[in-house]
Amino acid sequence: MPHLEFDLRRFGGITTRRRLIALGHAPLALRTAVDAGSIIRLDRSWVALPDANAEARRAVARGGILGGESALRSYGVWVTADGGVCVATARTASRLPPLLAGEYRLWREGVSRGSGEWRVAPFEALAQYLPRVADRHHLVATLDSALHHGLLAPVQLDELLERMSRRIRRLRTKLDPAAESGLESILRTAIAANGWRVESQVRIAGVGRVDLLVDGWLVVEADGSAWHDHHEAIERDRQRNSALVLRGYRWHRFGARQVLHELDRCIAVIRALLASGPPRR
């Protein structure tokens, strides 16, 4: 006897009735599960578990699948701004339900719901999203994140950039798959744009890896609040800061709000620190 929840989770919690029936689930069993509330009917063809990706459920219920920035978020790729739920829809689709607040539609060739996949592939999600981003630092952050998560092979990256405008293609040399967060990528590209030498994820003996090392002696860390705000993380950061000082480094930490909304001020702080010169070791 096939297990409905197990099979749904194999597909990320959302798929078509046809796909489940092909695995041996009887139509009556699906209707019974819907009536019991153990699965949710999204439209005539699609069902989902109640805890499945909320944005994907909304996209499918609007006659599309998850695309662009929303698909990237579902893959764990850094997306700086949240423009809402991106509903990727085939150009031939008709009789679609209206969008709700916080949703927008991208009409695309090749978008198909027949496979039962509830989101576009990473390559296509990037192709949909990147042209909508104006800031080069944030473009690099998204591409760094996709590379870091292994969602783009080098040949795919080259193919993707060939489809992009010149302003995006010329960022190829700015990318660094070692970057572990979008904040780090944004800071790194801004630092490099000012002519300073900057390295990502440098390992320092007795300290561990640091986000960025500028000109060989200034450690710059970008702290996302979800990781650095609880007590144990704060204590660990203090220990690392002390270890850096004892090893002849200077350091400075920036929070997410500073990097995202006060980037020029962050660069001004780094400039002032560099102007003071390296510490004596």
C-alpha atoms as a PDB file:
ATOM      1  CA  MET A   1       0.000   0.000   0.000  1.00  0.00           C
ATOM      2  CA  PRO A   2       1.663   3.270  -1.074  1.00  0.00           C
ATOM      3  CA  HIS A   3       2.110   5.904   1.615  1.00  0.00           C
ATOM      4  CA  LEU A   4       0.657   9.215   0.441  1.00  0.00           C
ATOM      5  CA  GLU A   5       2.582  11.570   2.714  1.00  0.00           C
ATOM      6  CA  PHE A   6       5.874   9.826   1.975  1.00  0.00           C
ATOM      7  CA  ASP A   7       5.362  10.141  -1.770  1.00  0.00           C
ATOM      8  CA  LEU A   8       4.307  13.774  -1.515  1.00  0.00           C
ATOM      9  CA  ARG A   9       7.423  14.613   0.469  1.00  0.00           C
ATOM     10  CA  ARG A  10       9.517  12.996  -2.253  1.00  0.00           C
ATOM     11  CA  PHE A  11       8.246  15.778  -4.505  1.00  0.00           C
ATOM     12  CA  GLY A  12       8.752  18.586  -2.015  1.00  0.00           C
ATOM     13  CA  GLY A  13       5.236  18.354  -0.580  1.00  0.00           C
ATOM     14  CA  ILE A  14       3.446  19.490  -3.751  1.00  0.00           C
ATOM     15  CA  THR A  15       2.640  17.657  -6.974  1.00  0.00           C
ATOM     16  CA  THR A  16      -0.153  16.643  -9.328  1.00  0.00           C
ATOM     17  CA  ARG A  17      -2.865  14.095  -8.715  1.00  0.00           C
ATOM     18  CA  ARG A  18      -1.770  12.367 -11.933  1.00  0.00           C
ATOM     19  CA  ARG A  19       1.736  11.879 -10.577  1.00  0.00           C
ATOM     20  CA  LEU A  20       0.420  10.321  -7.374  1.00  0.00           C
ATOM     21  CA  ILE A  21      -2.044   8.091  -9.192  1.00  0.00           C
ATOM     22  CA  ALA A  22       0.841   6.838 -11.345  1.00  0.00           C
ATOM     23  CA  LEU A  23       2.544   5.751  -8.104  1.00  0.00           C
ATOM     24  CA  GLY A  24      -0.481   3.668  -7.153  1.00  0.00           C
ATOM     25  CA  HIS A  25      -2.630   6.069  -5.120  1.00  0.00           C
ATOM     26  CA  ALA A  26      -6.298   5.612  -5.919  1.00  0.00           C
ATOM     27  CA  PRO A  27      -8.351   8.743  -6.802  1.00  0.00           C
ATOM     28  CA  LEU A  28     -10.760   7.848  -3.979  1.00  0.00           C
ATOM     29  CA  ALA A  29      -7.859   7.771  -1.500  1.00  0.00           C
ATOM     30  CA  LEU A  30      -6.789  11.247  -2.623  1.00  0.00           C
ATOM     31  CA  ARG A  31     -10.325  12.621  -2.202  1.00  0.00           C
ATOM     32  CA  THR A  32     -10.546  11.033   1.238  1.00  0.00           C
ATOM     33  CA  ALA A  33      -7.231  12.623   2.259  1.00  0.00           C
ATOM     34  CA  VAL A  34      -8.455  16.022   1.068  1.00  0.00           C
ATOM     35  CA  ASP A  35     -11.719  15.659   3.003  1.00  0.00           C
ATOM     36  CA  ALA A  36      -9.747  14.678   6.116  1.00  0.00           C
ATOM     37  CA  GLY A  37      -7.459  17.693   5.769  1.00  0.00           C
ATOM     38  CA  SER A  38      -4.254  15.652   5.560  1.00  0.00           C
ATOM     39  CA  ILE A  39      -3.608  17.104   2.106  1.00  0.00           C
ATOM     40  CA  ILE A  40      -4.807  20.327   0.490  1.00  0.00           C
ATOM     41  CA  ARG A  41      -6.363  20.623  -2.942  1.00  0.00           C
ATOM     42  CA  LEU A  42      -4.769  23.582  -4.740  1.00  0.00           C
ATOM     43  CA  ASP A  43      -6.738  23.295  -7.993  1.00  0.00           C
ATOM     44  CA  ARG A  44      -8.278  20.560 -10.110  1.00  0.00           C
ATOM     45  CA  SER A  45      -4.922  18.903 -10.739  1.00  0.00           C
ATOM     46  CA  TRP A  46      -2.623  19.741  -7.830  1.00  0.00           C
ATOM     47  CA  VAL A  47      -2.474  18.770  -4.142  1.00  0.00           C
ATOM     48  CA  ALA A  48      -0.071  19.642  -1.331  1.00  0.00           C
ATOM     49  CA  LEU A  49       0.769  18.833   2.244  1.00  0.00           C
ATOM     50  CA  PRO A  50      -0.364  21.521   4.718  1.00  0.00           C
ATOM     51  CA  ASP A  51       3.257  22.335   5.627  1.00  0.00           C
ATOM     52  CA  ALA A  52       4.507  22.552   2.035  1.00  0.00           C
ATOM     53  CA  ASN A  53       6.193  25.717   0.762  1.00  0.00           C
ATOM     54  CA  ALA A  54       3.594  28.468   1.214  1.00  0.00           C
ATOM     55  CA  GLU A  55       4.758  30.526  -1.774  1.00  0.00           C
ATOM     56  CA  ALA A  56       4.652  27.448  -4.007  1.00  0.00           C
ATOM     57  CA  ARG A  57       1.103  26.673  -2.901  1.00  0.00           C
ATOM     58  CA  ARG A  58       0.074  30.214  -3.810  1.00  0.00           C
ATOM     59  CA  ALA A  59       1.785  30.060  -7.211  1.00  0.00           C
ATOM     60  CA  VAL A  60       0.200  26.740  -8.148  1.00  0.00           C
ATOM     61  CA  ALA A  61      -3.226  27.936  -6.991  1.00  0.00           C
ATOM     62  CA  ARG A  62      -2.848  30.895  -9.416  1.00  0.00           C
ATOM     63  CA  GLY A  63      -2.312  28.602 -12.386  1.00  0.00           C
ATOM     64  CA  GLY A  64       1.483  28.716 -12.522  1.00  0.00           C
ATOM     65  CA  ILE A  65       4.529  27.450 -10.700  1.00  0.00           C
ATOM     66  CA  LEU A  66       7.106  29.160  -8.537  1.00  0.00           C
ATOM     67  CA  GLY A  67       9.506  31.270 -10.583  1.00  0.00           C
ATOM     68  CA  GLY A  68      12.153  33.969 -10.367  1.00  0.00           C
ATOM     69  CA  GLU A  69      12.987  35.258  -6.921  1.00  0.00           C
ATOM     70  CA  SER A  70      10.480  32.947  -5.230  1.00  0.00           C
ATOM     71  CA  ALA A  71      11.997  29.826  -6.787  1.00  0.00           C
ATOM     72  CA  LEU A  72      15.469  31.031  -5.797  1.00  0.00           C
ATOM     73  CA  ARG A  73      14.360  31.499  -2.189  1.00  0.00           C
ATOM     74  CA  SER A  74      13.009  27.952  -2.193  1.00  0.00           C
ATOM     75  CA  TYR A  75      16.449  26.687  -3.281  1.00  0.00           C
ATOM     76  CA  GLY A  76      18.150  28.641  -0.494  1.00  0.00           C
ATOM     77  CA  VAL A  77      19.709  31.189  -2.862  1.00  0.00           C
ATOM     78  CA  TRP A  78      20.277  34.717  -1.547  1.00  0.00           C
ATOM     79  CA  VAL A  79      17.684  37.201  -2.805  1.00  0.00           C
ATOM     80  CA  THR A  80      18.097  40.657  -1.336  1.00  0.00           C
ATOM     81  CA  ALA A  81      14.671  42.183  -1.938  1.00  0.00           C
ATOM     82  CA  ASP A  82      11.310  40.487  -1.538  1.00  0.00           C
ATOM     83  CA  GLY A  83       9.061  41.645  -4.356  1.00  0.00           C
ATOM     84  CA  GLY A  84       6.367  39.099  -3.567  1.00  0.00           C
ATOM     85  CA  VAL A  85       5.394  35.673  -4.867  1.00  0.00           C
ATOM     86  CA  CYS A  86       6.576  35.214  -8.449  1.00  0.00           C
ATOM     87  CA  VAL A  87       4.103  33.102 -10.439  1.00  0.00           C
ATOM     88  CA  ALA A  88       5.762  31.750 -13.588  1.00  0.00           C
ATOM     89  CA  THR A  89       3.022  31.104 -16.137  1.00  0.00           C
ATOM     90  CA  ALA A  90       3.022  29.636 -19.644  1.00  0.00           C
ATOM     91  CA  ARG A  91       2.164  32.166 -22.356  1.00  0.00           C
ATOM     92  CA  THR A  92      -0.555  29.852 -23.610  1.00  0.00           C
ATOM     93  CA  ALA A  93      -2.316  29.625 -20.234  1.00  0.00           C
ATOM     94  CA  SER A  94      -5.868  30.946 -20.063  1.00  0.00           C
ATOM     95  CA  ARG A  95      -8.745  31.305 -17.614  1.00  0.00           C
ATOM     96  CA  LEU A  96      -6.360  32.001 -14.792  1.00  0.00           C
ATOM     97  CA  PRO A  97      -7.528  33.044 -11.327  1.00  0.00           C
ATOM     98  CA  PRO A  98      -6.703  36.642 -10.398  1.00  0.00           C
ATOM     99  CA  LEU A  99      -3.575  37.407  -8.437  1.00  0.00           C
ATOM    100  CA  LEU A 100      -3.800  38.476  -4.823  1.00  0.00           C
ATOM    101  CA  ALA A 101      -1.839  41.137  -2.954  1.00  0.00           C
ATOM    102  CA  GLY A 102       1.869  40.324  -2.813  1.00  0.00           C
ATOM    103  CA  GLU A 103       1.867  38.276  -6.028  1.00  0.00           C
ATOM    104  CA  TYR A 104       3.036  39.017  -9.565  1.00  0.00           C
ATOM    105  CA  ARG A 105       3.116  36.996 -12.769  1.00  0.00           C
ATOM    106  CA  LEU A 106       5.930  36.320 -15.234  1.00  0.00           C
ATOM    107  CA  TRP A 107       4.779  35.042 -18.610  1.00  0.00           C
ATOM    108  CA  ARG A 108       7.397  32.682 -20.031  1.00  0.00           C
ATOM    109  CA  GLU A 109       7.865  30.216 -22.874  1.00  0.00           C
ATOM    110  CA  GLY A 110       8.592  26.691 -21.768  1.00  0.00           C
ATOM    111  CA  VAL A 111       6.829  26.886 -18.391  1.00  0.00           C
ATOM    112  CA  SER A 112       4.953  23.612 -17.964  1.00  0.00           C
ATOM    113  CA  ARG A 113       2.930  22.201 -15.113  1.00  0.00           C
ATOM    114  CA  GLY A 114       2.598  18.809 -16.765  1.00  0.00           C
ATOM    115  CA  SER A 115       5.675  17.352 -15.105  1.00  0.00           C
ATOM    116  CA  GLY A 116       4.323  17.979 -11.618  1.00  0.00           C
ATOM    117  CA  GLU A 117       7.307  20.162 -10.662  1.00  0.00           C
ATOM    118  CA  TRP A 118       6.182  23.140  -8.593  1.00  0.00           C
ATOM    119  CA  ARG A 119       9.116  25.443  -9.346  1.00  0.00           C
ATOM    120  CA  VAL A 120      11.332  26.284 -12.283  1.00  0.00           C
ATOM    121  CA  ALA A 121      14.907  24.981 -12.332  1.00  0.00           C
ATOM    122  CA  PRO A 122      17.644  27.137 -10.749  1.00  0.00           C
ATOM    123  CA  PHE A 123      19.040  28.144 -14.143  1.00  0.00           C
ATOM    124  CA  GLU A 124      15.683  29.446 -15.331  1.00  0.00           C
ATOM    125  CA  ALA A 125      14.937  31.100 -11.982  1.00  0.00           C
ATOM    126  CA  LEU A 126      18.178  33.065 -12.273  1.00  0.00           C
ATOM    127  CA  ALA A 127      17.428  33.966 -15.882  1.00  0.00           C
ATOM    128  CA  GLN A 128      14.069  35.348 -14.775  1.00  0.00           C
ATOM    129  CA  TYR A 129      15.348  37.193 -11.712  1.00  0.00           C
ATOM    130  CA  LEU A 130      18.719  38.734 -12.609  1.00  0.00           C
ATOM    131  CA  PRO A 131      17.446  41.239 -15.209  1.00  0.00           C
ATOM    132  CA  ARG A 132      15.119  42.660 -12.560  1.00  0.00           C
ATOM    133  CA  VAL A 133      18.005  43.576 -10.219  1.00  0.00           C
ATOM    134  CA  ALA A 134      19.592  47.002 -10.691  1.00  0.00           C
ATOM    135  CA  ASP A 135      22.391  46.963  -8.091  1.00  0.00           C
ATOM    136  CA  ARG A 136      25.558  45.121  -9.173  1.00  0.00           C
ATOM    137  CA  HIS A 137      26.498  44.196  -5.592  1.00  0.00           C
ATOM    138  CA  HIS A 138      23.187  42.400  -5.137  1.00  0.00           C
ATOM    139  CA  LEU A 139      23.528  40.673  -8.512  1.00  0.00           C
ATOM    140  CA  VAL A 140      26.887  39.279  -7.412  1.00  0.00           C
ATOM    141  CA  ALA A 141      25.383  38.194  -4.087  1.00  0.00           C
ATOM    142  CA  THR A 142      22.709  36.103  -5.817  1.00  0.00           C
ATOM    143  CA  LEU A 143      25.142  34.512  -8.278  1.00  0.00           C
ATOM    144  CA  ASP A 144      27.684  33.807  -5.516  1.00  0.00           C
ATOM    145  CA  SER A 145      24.957  32.095  -3.512  1.00  0.00           C
ATOM    146  CA  ALA A 146      23.814  29.924  -6.430  1.00  0.00           C
ATOM    147  CA  LEU A 147      27.415  28.858  -7.080  1.00  0.00           C
ATOM    148  CA  HIS A 148      28.101  28.236  -3.392  1.00  0.00           C
ATOM    149  CA  HIS A 149      25.068  25.933  -3.176  1.00  0.00           C
ATOM    150  CA  GLY A 150      26.243  23.996  -6.232  1.00  0.00           C
ATOM    151  CA  LEU A 151      23.178  24.908  -8.284  1.00  0.00           C
ATOM    152  CA  LEU A 152      25.189  26.110 -11.296  1.00  0.00           C
ATOM    153  CA  ALA A 153      28.039  24.286 -12.992  1.00  0.00           C
ATOM    154  CA  PRO A 154      30.688  26.501 -14.643  1.00  0.00           C
ATOM    155  CA  VAL A 155      29.377  25.714 -18.103  1.00  0.00           C
ATOM    156  CA  GLN A 156      25.850  26.650 -16.993  1.00  0.00           C
ATOM    157  CA  LEU A 157      27.129  29.915 -15.557  1.00  0.00           C
ATOM    158  CA  ASP A 158      28.710  30.790 -18.898  1.00  0.00           C
ATOM    159  CA  GLU A 159      25.502  29.890 -20.720  1.00  0.00           C
ATOM    160  CA  LEU A 160      23.416  31.928 -18.294  1.00  0.00           C
ATOM    161  CA  LEU A 161      25.595  35.018 -18.603  1.00  0.00           C
ATOM    162  CA  GLU A 162      25.474  34.794 -22.393  1.00  0.00           C
ATOM    163  CA  ARG A 163      21.719  35.327 -22.104  1.00  0.00           C
ATOM    164  CA  MET A 164      22.168  38.401 -19.915  1.00  0.00           C
ATOM    165  CA  SER A 165      22.876  42.024 -20.789  1.00  0.00           C
ATOM    166  CA  ARG A 166      26.408  43.396 -20.826  1.00  0.00           C
ATOM    167  CA  ARG A 167      26.048  44.965 -17.368  1.00  0.00           C
ATOM    168  CA  ILE A 168      25.485  41.482 -15.909  1.00  0.00           C
ATOM    169  CA  ARG A 169      28.015  39.635 -18.099  1.00  0.00           C
ATOM    170  CA  ARG A 170      30.878  41.866 -16.979  1.00  0.00           C
ATOM    171  CA  LEU A 171      30.330  40.745 -13.370  1.00  0.00           C
ATOM    172  CA  ARG A 172      31.768  37.310 -14.249  1.00  0.00           C
ATOM    173  CA  THR A 173      35.185  38.158 -12.807  1.00  0.00           C
ATOM    174  CA  LYS A 174      33.641  39.475  -9.567  1.00  0.00           C
ATOM    175  CA  LEU A 175      32.070  36.180  -8.508  1.00  0.00           C
ATOM    176  CA  ASP A 176      33.340  34.051  -5.642  1.00  0.00           C
ATOM    177  CA  PRO A 177      31.683  30.681  -4.861  1.00  0.00           C
ATOM    178  CA  ALA A 178      33.456  30.637  -1.483  1.00  0.00           C
ATOM    179  CA  ALA A 179      31.184  33.402  -0.171  1.00  0.00           C
ATOM    180  CA  GLU A 180      28.846  31.992   2.466  1.00  0.00           C
ATOM    181  CA  SER A 181      26.275  34.793   2.613  1.00  0.00           C
ATOM    182  CA  GLY A 182      24.836  37.537   0.478  1.00  0.00           C
ATOM    183  CA  LEU A 183      25.926  40.109   3.043  1.00  0.00           C
ATOM    184  CA  GLU A 184      29.512  38.948   2.652  1.00  0.00           C
ATOM    185  CA  SER A 185      29.267  39.165  -1.148  1.00  0.00           C
ATOM    186  CA  ILE A 186      27.821  42.676  -1.069  1.00  0.00           C
ATOM    187  CA  LEU A 187      30.567  43.896   1.253  1.00  0.00           C
ATOM    188  CA  ARG A 188      33.294  42.147  -0.734  1.00  0.00           C
ATOM    189  CA  THR A 189      32.326  43.682  -4.076  1.00  0.00           C
ATOM    190  CA  ALA A 190      31.976  47.138  -2.527  1.00  0.00           C
ATOM    191  CA  ILE A 191      35.416  46.822  -0.905  1.00  0.00           C
ATOM    192  CA  ALA A 192      37.015  45.613  -4.147  1.00  0.00           C
ATOM    193  CA  ALA A 193      35.392  48.476  -6.067  1.00  0.00           C
ATOM    194  CA  ASN A 194      37.405  50.856  -3.885  1.00  0.00           C
ATOM    195  CA  GLY A 195      40.671  49.263  -4.948  1.00  0.00           C
ATOM    196  CA  TRP A 196      41.488  47.386  -1.751  1.00  0.00           C
ATOM    197  CA  ARG A 197      42.657  43.777  -1.809  1.00  0.00           C
ATOM    198  CA  VAL A 198      39.997  41.538  -0.302  1.00  0.00           C
ATOM    199  CA  GLU A 199      39.907  37.770   0.249  1.00  0.00           C
ATOM    200  CA  SER A 200      36.894  35.622   1.184  1.00  0.00           C
ATOM    201  CA  GLN A 201      36.668  32.926   3.852  1.00  0.00           C
ATOM    202  CA  VAL A 202      40.288  33.136   4.989  1.00  0.00           C
ATOM    203  CA  ARG A 203      41.416  30.657   7.644  1.00  0.00           C
ATOM    204  CA  ILE A 204      43.453  32.195  10.464  1.00  0.00           C
ATOM    205  CA  ALA A 205      45.233  29.886  12.899  1.00  0.00           C
ATOM    206  CA  GLY A 206      43.650  29.963  16.338  1.00  0.00           C
ATOM    207  CA  VAL A 207      40.607  31.844  15.041  1.00  0.00           C
ATOM    208  CA  GLY A 208      39.066  29.848  12.225  1.00  0.00           C
ATOM    209  CA  ARG A 209      37.617  31.214   9.018  1.00  0.00           C
ATOM    210  CA  VAL A 210      36.780  34.898   8.752  1.00  0.00           C
ATOM    211  CA  ASP A 211      34.396  36.379   6.213  1.00  0.00           C
ATOM    212  CA  LEU A 212      36.737  38.909   4.619  1.00  0.00           C
ATOM    213  CA  LEU A 213      40.381  39.874   4.979  1.00  0.00           C
ATOM    214  CA  VAL A 214      41.243  43.314   3.609  1.00  0.00           C
ATOM    215  CA  ASP A 215      44.838  44.196   2.679  1.00  0.00           C
ATOM    216  CA  GLY A 216      46.105  41.245   4.687  1.00  0.00           C
ATOM    217  CA  TRP A 217      45.393  42.594   8.191  1.00  0.00           C
ATOM    218  CA  LEU A 218      41.847  43.995   8.559  1.00  0.00           C
ATOM    219  CA  VAL A 219      39.210  41.351   9.252  1.00  0.00           C
ATOM    220  CA  VAL A 220      35.680  42.346   8.246  1.00  0.00           C
ATOM    221  CA  GLU A 221      32.713  40.211   9.293  1.00  0.00           C
ATOM    222  CA  ALA A 222      29.124  40.484   8.062  1.00  0.00           C
ATOM    223  CA  ASP A 223      26.751  39.278  10.767  1.00  0.00           C
ATOM    224  CA  GLY A 224      23.286  38.086   9.871  1.00  0.00           C
ATOM    225  CA  SER A 225      21.001  38.531  12.877  1.00  0.00           C
ATOM    226  CA  ALA A 226      19.599  34.991  12.725  1.00  0.00           C
ATOM    227  CA  TRP A 227      23.049  33.544  13.447  1.00  0.00           C
ATOM    228  CA  HIS A 228      24.798  36.126  15.604  1.00  0.00           C
ATOM    229  CA  ASP A 229      22.126  37.517  17.938  1.00  0.00           C
ATOM    230  CA  HIS A 230      21.789  34.700  20.482  1.00  0.00           C
ATOM    231  CA  HIS A 231      23.963  34.539  23.593  1.00  0.00           C
ATOM    232  CA  GLU A 232      26.251  31.650  22.611  1.00  0.00           C
ATOM    233  CA  ALA A 233      27.037  33.236  19.241  1.00  0.00           C
ATOM    234  CA  ILE A 234      27.793  36.591  20.864  1.00  0.00           C
ATOM    235  CA  GLU A 235      30.216  34.940  23.304  1.00  0.00           C
ATOM    236  CA  ARG A 236      31.875  33.009  20.490  1.00  0.00           C
ATOM    237  CA  ASP A 237      32.300  36.202  18.454  1.00  0.00           C
ATOM    238  CA  ARG A 238      33.930  37.910  21.441  1.00  0.00           C
ATOM    239  CA  GLN A 239      36.416  35.070  21.773  1.00  0.00           C
ATOM    240  CA  ARG A 240      37.251  35.302  18.061  1.00  0.00           C
ATOM    241  CA  ASN A 241      37.701  39.069  18.304  1.00  0.00           C
ATOM    242  CA  SER A 242      40.164  38.662  21.169  1.00  0.00           C
ATOM    243  CA  ALA A 243      42.082  35.980  19.291  1.00  0.00           C
ATOM    244  CA  LEU A 244      42.372  38.246  16.250  1.00  0.00           C
ATOM    245  CA  VAL A 245      43.825  41.099  18.302  1.00  0.00           C
ATOM    246  CA  LEU A 246      46.372  38.806  19.944  1.00  0.00           C
ATOM    247  CA  ARG A 247      47.489  37.618  16.495  1.00  0.00           C
ATOM    248  CA  GLY A 248      48.084  41.123  15.181  1.00  0.00           C
ATOM    249  CA  TYR A 249      44.884  41.725  13.224  1.00  0.00           C
ATOM    250  CA  ARG A 250      42.346  44.489  13.428  1.00  0.00           C
ATOM    251  CA  TRP A 251      38.684  43.662  13.009  1.00  0.00           C
ATOM    252  CA  HIS A 252      35.261  45.203  12.514  1.00  0.00           C
ATOM    253  CA  ARG A 253      31.780  43.720  12.351  1.00  0.00           C
ATOM    254  CA  PHE A 254      28.797  45.004  10.378  1.00  0.00           C
ATOM    255  CA  GLY A 255      25.194  43.956  10.880  1.00  0.00           C
ATOM    256  CA  ALA A 256      22.720  43.080   8.154  1.00  0.00           C
ATOM    257  CA  ARG A 257      20.905  46.426   8.304  1.00  0.00           C
ATOM    258  CA  GLN A 258      24.182  48.323   7.908  1.00  0.00           C
ATOM    259  CA  VAL A 259      25.260  46.307   4.880  1.00  0.00           C
ATOM    260  CA  LEU A 260      21.874  46.453   3.181  1.00  0.00           C
ATOM    261  CA  HIS A 261      20.923  50.060   3.929  1.00  0.00           C
ATOM    262  CA  GLU A 262      24.127  51.908   4.838  1.00  0.00           C
ATOM    263  CA  LEU A 263      26.727  50.382   2.523  1.00  0.00           C
ATOM    264  CA  ASP A 264      28.459  53.711   1.828  1.00  0.00           C
ATOM    265  CA  ARG A 265      28.864  54.245   5.555  1.00  0.00           C
ATOM    266  CA  CYS A 266      30.343  50.752   5.921  1.00  0.00           C
ATOM    267  CA  ILE A 267      32.920  51.608   3.264  1.00  0.00           C
ATOM    268  CA  ALA A 268      33.682  54.887   5.044  1.00  0.00           C
ATOM    269  CA  VAL A 269      34.375  52.946   8.253  1.00  0.00           C
ATOM    270  CA  ILE A 270      36.679  50.526   6.418  1.00  0.00           C
ATOM    271  CA  ARG A 271      38.480  53.447   4.803  1.00  0.00           C
ATOM    272  CA  ALA A 272      39.078  55.029   8.210  1.00  0.00           C
ATOM    273  CA  LEU A 273      40.365  51.763   9.658  1.00  0.00           C
ATOM    274  CA  LEU A 274      42.757  51.210   6.755  1.00  0.00           C
ATOM    275  CA  ALA A 275      43.980  54.795   6.984  1.00  0.00           C
ATOM    276  CA  SER A 276      45.081  54.178  10.566  1.00  0.00           C
ATOM    277  CA  GLY A 277      47.550  51.582   9.317  1.00  0.00           C
ATOM    278  CA  PRO A 278      48.119  47.959  10.303  1.00  0.00           C
ATOM    279  CA  PRO A 279      48.791  47.118  13.956  1.00  0.00           C
ATOM    280  CA  ARG A 280      52.294  46.194  15.016  1.00  0.00           C
ATOM    281  CA  ARG A 281      52.584  42.423  15.264  1.00  0.00           C
END
